[in-house]
PDB file of N, CA and C in Angstrom:
ATOM      1  N   MET A   1      21.574  58.270 151.401  1.00  0.00           N
ATOM      2  CA  MET A   1      22.505  59.298 150.937  1.00  0.00           C
ATOM      3  C   MET A   1      22.869  59.031 149.483  1.00  0.00           C
ATOM      4  N   THR A   2      23.029  60.110 148.778  1.00  0.00           N
ATOM      5  CA  THR A   2      23.392  59.978 147.371  1.00  0.00           C
ATOM      6  C   THR A   2      24.910  59.911 147.238  1.00  0.00           C
ATOM      7  N   LYS A   3      25.333  59.589 146.039  1.00  0.00           N
ATOM      8  CA  LYS A   3      26.769  59.491 145.781  1.00  0.00           C
ATOM      9  C   LYS A   3      27.455  60.837 145.982  1.00  0.00           C
ATOM     10  N   GLY A   4      26.787  61.934 145.613  1.00  0.00           N
ATOM     11  CA  GLY A   4      27.355  63.266 145.783  1.00  0.00           C
ATOM     12  C   GLY A   4      27.561  63.632 147.247  1.00  0.00           C
ATOM     13  N   GLN A   5      26.636  63.224 148.097  1.00  0.00           N
ATOM     14  CA  GLN A   5      26.772  63.512 149.531  1.00  0.00           C
ATOM     15  C   GLN A   5      27.939  62.736 150.138  1.00  0.00           C
ATOM     16  N   ILE A   6      28.106  61.506 149.693  1.00  0.00           N
ATOM     17  CA  ILE A   6      29.213  60.687 150.212  1.00  0.00           C
ATOM     18  C   ILE A   6      30.553  61.290 149.786  1.00  0.00           C
ATOM     19  N   VAL A   7      30.641  61.721 148.549  1.00  0.00           N
ATOM     20  CA  VAL A   7      31.872  62.346 148.059  1.00  0.00           C
ATOM     21  C   VAL A   7      32.146  63.632 148.837  1.00  0.00           C
ATOM     22  N   ALA A   8      31.101  64.416 149.115  1.00  0.00           N
ATOM     23  CA  ALA A   8      31.272  65.659 149.866  1.00  0.00           C
ATOM     24  C   ALA A   8      31.756  65.384 151.284  1.00  0.00           C
ATOM     25  N   ILE A   9      31.225  64.367 151.922  1.00  0.00           N
ATOM     26  CA  ILE A   9      31.646  64.030 153.286  1.00  0.00           C
ATOM     27  C   ILE A   9      33.095  63.550 153.298  1.00  0.00           C
ATOM     28  N   ILE A  10      33.444  62.705 152.349  1.00  0.00           N
ATOM     29  CA  ILE A  10      34.830  62.207 152.276  1.00  0.00           C
ATOM     30  C   ILE A  10      35.798  63.351 151.992  1.00  0.00           C
ATOM     31  N   THR A  11      35.436  64.239 151.081  1.00  0.00           N
ATOM     32  CA  THR A  11      36.284  65.384 150.753  1.00  0.00           C
ATOM     33  C   THR A  11      36.459  66.297 151.969  1.00  0.00           C
ATOM     34  N   GLY A  12      35.382  66.539 152.694  1.00  0.00           N
ATOM     35  CA  GLY A  12      35.458  67.356 153.906  1.00  0.00           C
ATOM     36  C   GLY A  12      36.333  66.719 154.968  1.00  0.00           C
ATOM     37  N   ALA A  13      36.228  65.407 155.136  1.00  0.00           N
ATOM     38  CA  ALA A  13      37.051  64.711 156.127  1.00  0.00           C
ATOM     39  C   ALA A  13      38.529  64.785 155.752  1.00  0.00           C
ATOM     40  N   ILE A  14      38.830  64.611 154.470  1.00  0.00           N
ATOM     41  CA  ILE A  14      40.230  64.706 154.023  1.00  0.00           C
ATOM     42  C   ILE A  14      40.746  66.122 154.250  1.00  0.00           C
ATOM     43  N   SER A  15      39.926  67.112 153.986  1.00  0.00           N
ATOM     44  CA  SER A  15      40.329  68.500 154.195  1.00  0.00           C
ATOM     45  C   SER A  15      40.626  68.780 155.664  1.00  0.00           C
ATOM     46  N   ILE A  16      39.791  68.272 156.541  1.00  0.00           N
ATOM     47  CA  ILE A  16      40.025  68.468 157.981  1.00  0.00           C
ATOM     48  C   ILE A  16      41.294  67.747 158.424  1.00  0.00           C
ATOM     49  N   LEU A  17      41.541  66.551 157.903  1.00  0.00           N
ATOM     50  CA  LEU A  17      42.770  65.822 158.254  1.00  0.00           C
ATOM     51  C   LEU A  17      44.016  66.572 157.795  1.00  0.00           C
ATOM     52  N   ILE A  18      43.968  67.137 156.602  1.00  0.00           N
ATOM     53  CA  ILE A  18      45.115  67.908 156.101  1.00  0.00           C
ATOM     54  C   ILE A  18      45.333  69.143 156.968  1.00  0.00           C
ATOM     55  N   ALA A  19      44.248  69.809 157.362  1.00  0.00           N
ATOM     56  CA  ALA A  19      44.366  71.003 158.201  1.00  0.00           C
ATOM     57  C   ALA A  19      44.964  70.666 159.557  1.00  0.00           C
ATOM     58  N   VAL A  20      44.531  69.576 160.162  1.00  0.00           N
ATOM     59  CA  VAL A  20      45.063  69.170 161.464  1.00  0.00           C
ATOM     60  C   VAL A  20      46.532  68.771 161.333  1.00  0.00           C
ATOM     61  N   ALA A  21      46.880  68.059 160.269  1.00  0.00           N
ATOM     62  CA  ALA A  21      48.280  67.679 160.061  1.00  0.00           C
ATOM     63  C   ALA A  21      49.152  68.916 159.880  1.00  0.00           C
ATOM     64  N   TYR A  22      48.647  69.925 159.182  1.00  0.00           N
ATOM     65  CA  TYR A  22      49.393  71.170 158.997  1.00  0.00           C
ATOM     66  C   TYR A  22      49.605  71.870 160.337  1.00  0.00           C
ATOM     67  N   LEU A  23      48.557  71.943 161.155  1.00  0.00           N
ATOM     68  CA  LEU A  23      48.690  72.587 162.454  1.00  0.00           C
ATOM     69  C   LEU A  23      49.688  71.848 163.352  1.00  0.00           C
ATOM     70  N   VAL A  24      49.674  70.529 163.305  1.00  0.00           N
ATOM     71  CA  VAL A  24      50.639  69.754 164.096  1.00  0.00           C
ATOM     72  C   VAL A  24      52.057  70.006 163.600  1.00  0.00           C
ATOM     73  N   LEU A  25      52.247  70.043 162.286  1.00  0.00           N
ATOM     74  CA  LEU A  25      53.577  70.307 161.725  1.00  0.00           C
ATOM     75  C   LEU A  25      54.079  71.686 162.120  1.00  0.00           C
ATOM     76  N   VAL A  26      53.227  72.693 162.034  1.00  0.00           N
ATOM     77  CA  VAL A  26      53.624  74.049 162.415  1.00  0.00           C
ATOM     78  C   VAL A  26      53.941  74.115 163.901  1.00  0.00           C
ATOM     79  N   PHE A  27      53.163  73.427 164.722  1.00  0.00           N
ATOM     80  CA  PHE A  27      53.421  73.412 166.158  1.00  0.00           C
ATOM     81  C   PHE A  27      54.769  72.775 166.467  1.00  0.00           C
ATOM     82  N   ILE A  28      55.074  71.672 165.799  1.00  0.00           N
ATOM     83  CA  ILE A  28      56.363  70.992 166.030  1.00  0.00           C
ATOM     84  C   ILE A  28      57.524  71.878 165.591  1.00  0.00           C
ATOM     85  N   LEU A  29      57.392  72.507 164.421  1.00  0.00           N
ATOM     86  CA  LEU A  29      58.470  73.378 163.947  1.00  0.00           C
ATOM     87  C   LEU A  29      58.618  74.617 164.822  1.00  0.00           C
ATOM     88  N   ASP A  30      57.530  75.088 165.395  1.00  0.00           N
ATOM     89  CA  ASP A  30      57.574  76.279 166.237  1.00  0.00           C
ATOM     90  C   ASP A  30      58.203  76.001 167.598  1.00  0.00           C
ATOM     91  N   THR A  31      58.087  74.783 168.086  1.00  0.00           N
ATOM     92  CA  THR A  31      58.637  74.463 169.406  1.00  0.00           C
ATOM     93  C   THR A  31      60.138  74.189 169.363  1.00  0.00           C
ATOM     94  N   ARG A  32      60.730  74.195 168.187  1.00  0.00           N
ATOM     95  CA  ARG A  32      62.173  73.924 168.102  1.00  0.00           C
ATOM     96  C   ARG A  32      63.012  75.090 168.587  1.00  0.00           C
ATOM     97  N   GLY A  33      62.407  76.234 168.767  1.00  0.00           N
ATOM     98  CA  GLY A  33      63.153  77.373 169.282  1.00  0.00           C
ATOM     99  C   GLY A  33      63.360  78.433 168.235  1.00  0.00           C
ATOM    100  N   GLU A  34      64.134  79.416 168.625  1.00  0.00           N
ATOM    101  CA  GLU A  34      64.371  80.565 167.752  1.00  0.00           C
ATOM    102  C   GLU A  34      65.242  80.164 166.575  1.00  0.00           C
ATOM    103  N   MET A  35      64.878  80.650 165.389  1.00  0.00           N
ATOM    104  CA  MET A  35      65.683  80.380 164.209  1.00  0.00           C
ATOM    105  C   MET A  35      66.814  81.397 164.142  1.00  0.00           C
ATOM    106  N   LYS A  36      68.028  80.915 164.021  1.00  0.00           N
ATOM    107  CA  LYS A  36      69.198  81.782 163.948  1.00  0.00           C
ATOM    108  C   LYS A  36      69.843  81.632 162.578  1.00  0.00           C
ATOM    109  N   PRO A  37      70.276  82.727 161.968  1.00  0.00           N
ATOM    110  CA  PRO A  37      70.930  82.614 160.664  1.00  0.00           C
ATOM    111  C   PRO A  37      72.319  81.981 160.796  1.00  0.00           C
ATOM    112  N   ALA A  38      72.818  81.465 159.711  1.00  0.00           N
ATOM    113  CA  ALA A  38      74.144  80.869 159.709  1.00  0.00           C
ATOM    114  C   ALA A  38      75.190  81.955 159.951  1.00  0.00           C
ATOM    115  N   PRO A  39      76.267  81.614 160.651  1.00  0.00           N
ATOM    116  CA  PRO A  39      77.310  82.608 160.882  1.00  0.00           C
ATOM    117  C   PRO A  39      77.966  83.031 159.570  1.00  0.00           C
ATOM    118  N   VAL A  40      78.142  84.316 159.398  1.00  0.00           N
ATOM    119  CA  VAL A  40      78.712  84.850 158.165  1.00  0.00           C
ATOM    120  C   VAL A  40      80.207  84.570 158.104  1.00  0.00           C
ATOM    121  N   SER A  41      80.877  84.489 159.233  1.00  0.00           N
ATOM    122  CA  SER A  41      82.324  84.307 159.243  1.00  0.00           C
ATOM    123  C   SER A  41      82.736  82.934 158.707  1.00  0.00           C
ATOM    124  N   GLN A  42      81.839  81.965 158.681  1.00  0.00           N
ATOM    125  CA  GLN A  42      82.201  80.628 158.229  1.00  0.00           C
ATOM    126  C   GLN A  42      81.828  80.374 156.771  1.00  0.00           C
ATOM    127  N   THR A  43      81.287  81.360 156.100  1.00  0.00           N
ATOM    128  CA  THR A  43      80.976  81.178 154.687  1.00  0.00           C
ATOM    129  C   THR A  43      82.241  81.350 153.856  1.00  0.00           C
ATOM    130  N   PRO A  44      82.383  80.617 152.771  1.00  0.00           N
ATOM    131  CA  PRO A  44      83.607  80.750 151.956  1.00  0.00           C
ATOM    132  C   PRO A  44      83.675  82.131 151.308  1.00  0.00           C
ATOM    133  N   PRO A  45      84.880  82.631 151.091  1.00  0.00           N
ATOM    134  CA  PRO A  45      85.023  83.954 150.475  1.00  0.00           C
ATOM    135  C   PRO A  45      84.555  83.938 149.020  1.00  0.00           C
ATOM    136  N   VAL A  46      84.043  85.047 148.581  1.00  0.00           N
ATOM    137  CA  VAL A  46      83.570  85.192 147.218  1.00  0.00           C
ATOM    138  C   VAL A  46      84.742  85.631 146.339  1.00  0.00           C
ATOM    139  N   ILE A  47      84.975  84.920 145.258  1.00  0.00           N
ATOM    140  CA  ILE A  47      86.068  85.248 144.347  1.00  0.00           C
ATOM    141  C   ILE A  47      85.469  85.934 143.122  1.00  0.00           C
ATOM    142  N   GLN A  48      85.963  87.122 142.818  1.00  0.00           N
ATOM    143  CA  GLN A  48      85.495  87.822 141.642  1.00  0.00           C
ATOM    144  C   GLN A  48      86.392  87.440 140.464  1.00  0.00           C
ATOM    145  N   LEU A  49      85.767  86.933 139.421  1.00  0.00           N
ATOM    146  CA  LEU A  49      86.525  86.456 138.269  1.00  0.00           C
ATOM    147  C   LEU A  49      87.148  87.598 137.476  1.00  0.00           C
ATOM    148  N   ASP A  50      86.574  88.795 137.525  1.00  0.00           N
ATOM    149  CA  ASP A  50      87.120  89.922 136.766  1.00  0.00           C
ATOM    150  C   ASP A  50      88.543  90.245 137.230  1.00  0.00           C
ATOM    151  N   SER A  51      88.759  90.306 138.528  1.00  0.00           N
ATOM    152  CA  SER A  51      90.088  90.669 139.031  1.00  0.00           C
ATOM    153  C   SER A  51      91.062  89.493 138.952  1.00  0.00           C
ATOM    154  N   ALA A  52      90.578  88.285 138.946  1.00  0.00           N
ATOM    155  CA  ALA A  52      91.468  87.117 138.860  1.00  0.00           C
ATOM    156  C   ALA A  52      92.016  86.952 137.445  1.00  0.00           C
ATOM    157  N   ILE A  53      91.272  87.366 136.434  1.00  0.00           N
ATOM    158  CA  ILE A  53      91.736  87.200 135.052  1.00  0.00           C
ATOM    159  C   ILE A  53      92.749  88.274 134.678  1.00  0.00           C
ATOM    160  N   ASN A  54      92.518  89.494 135.126  1.00  0.00           N
ATOM    161  CA  ASN A  54      93.398  90.617 134.743  1.00  0.00           C
ATOM    162  C   ASN A  54      94.659  90.616 135.510  1.00  0.00           C
TER     163      ASN A  54
END
């Protein structure tokens, strides 16, 4: 095998490892359940500076 073939095989193996790691990460994040937004009632009130100055 030439040096180019070895580099191609190593690059392909790294690519497959990254793809498998991505799929595992997505699977883990997907099994955590439904994503719910933060409750709006617990966010701090917005203060408008225009009315506070006048």
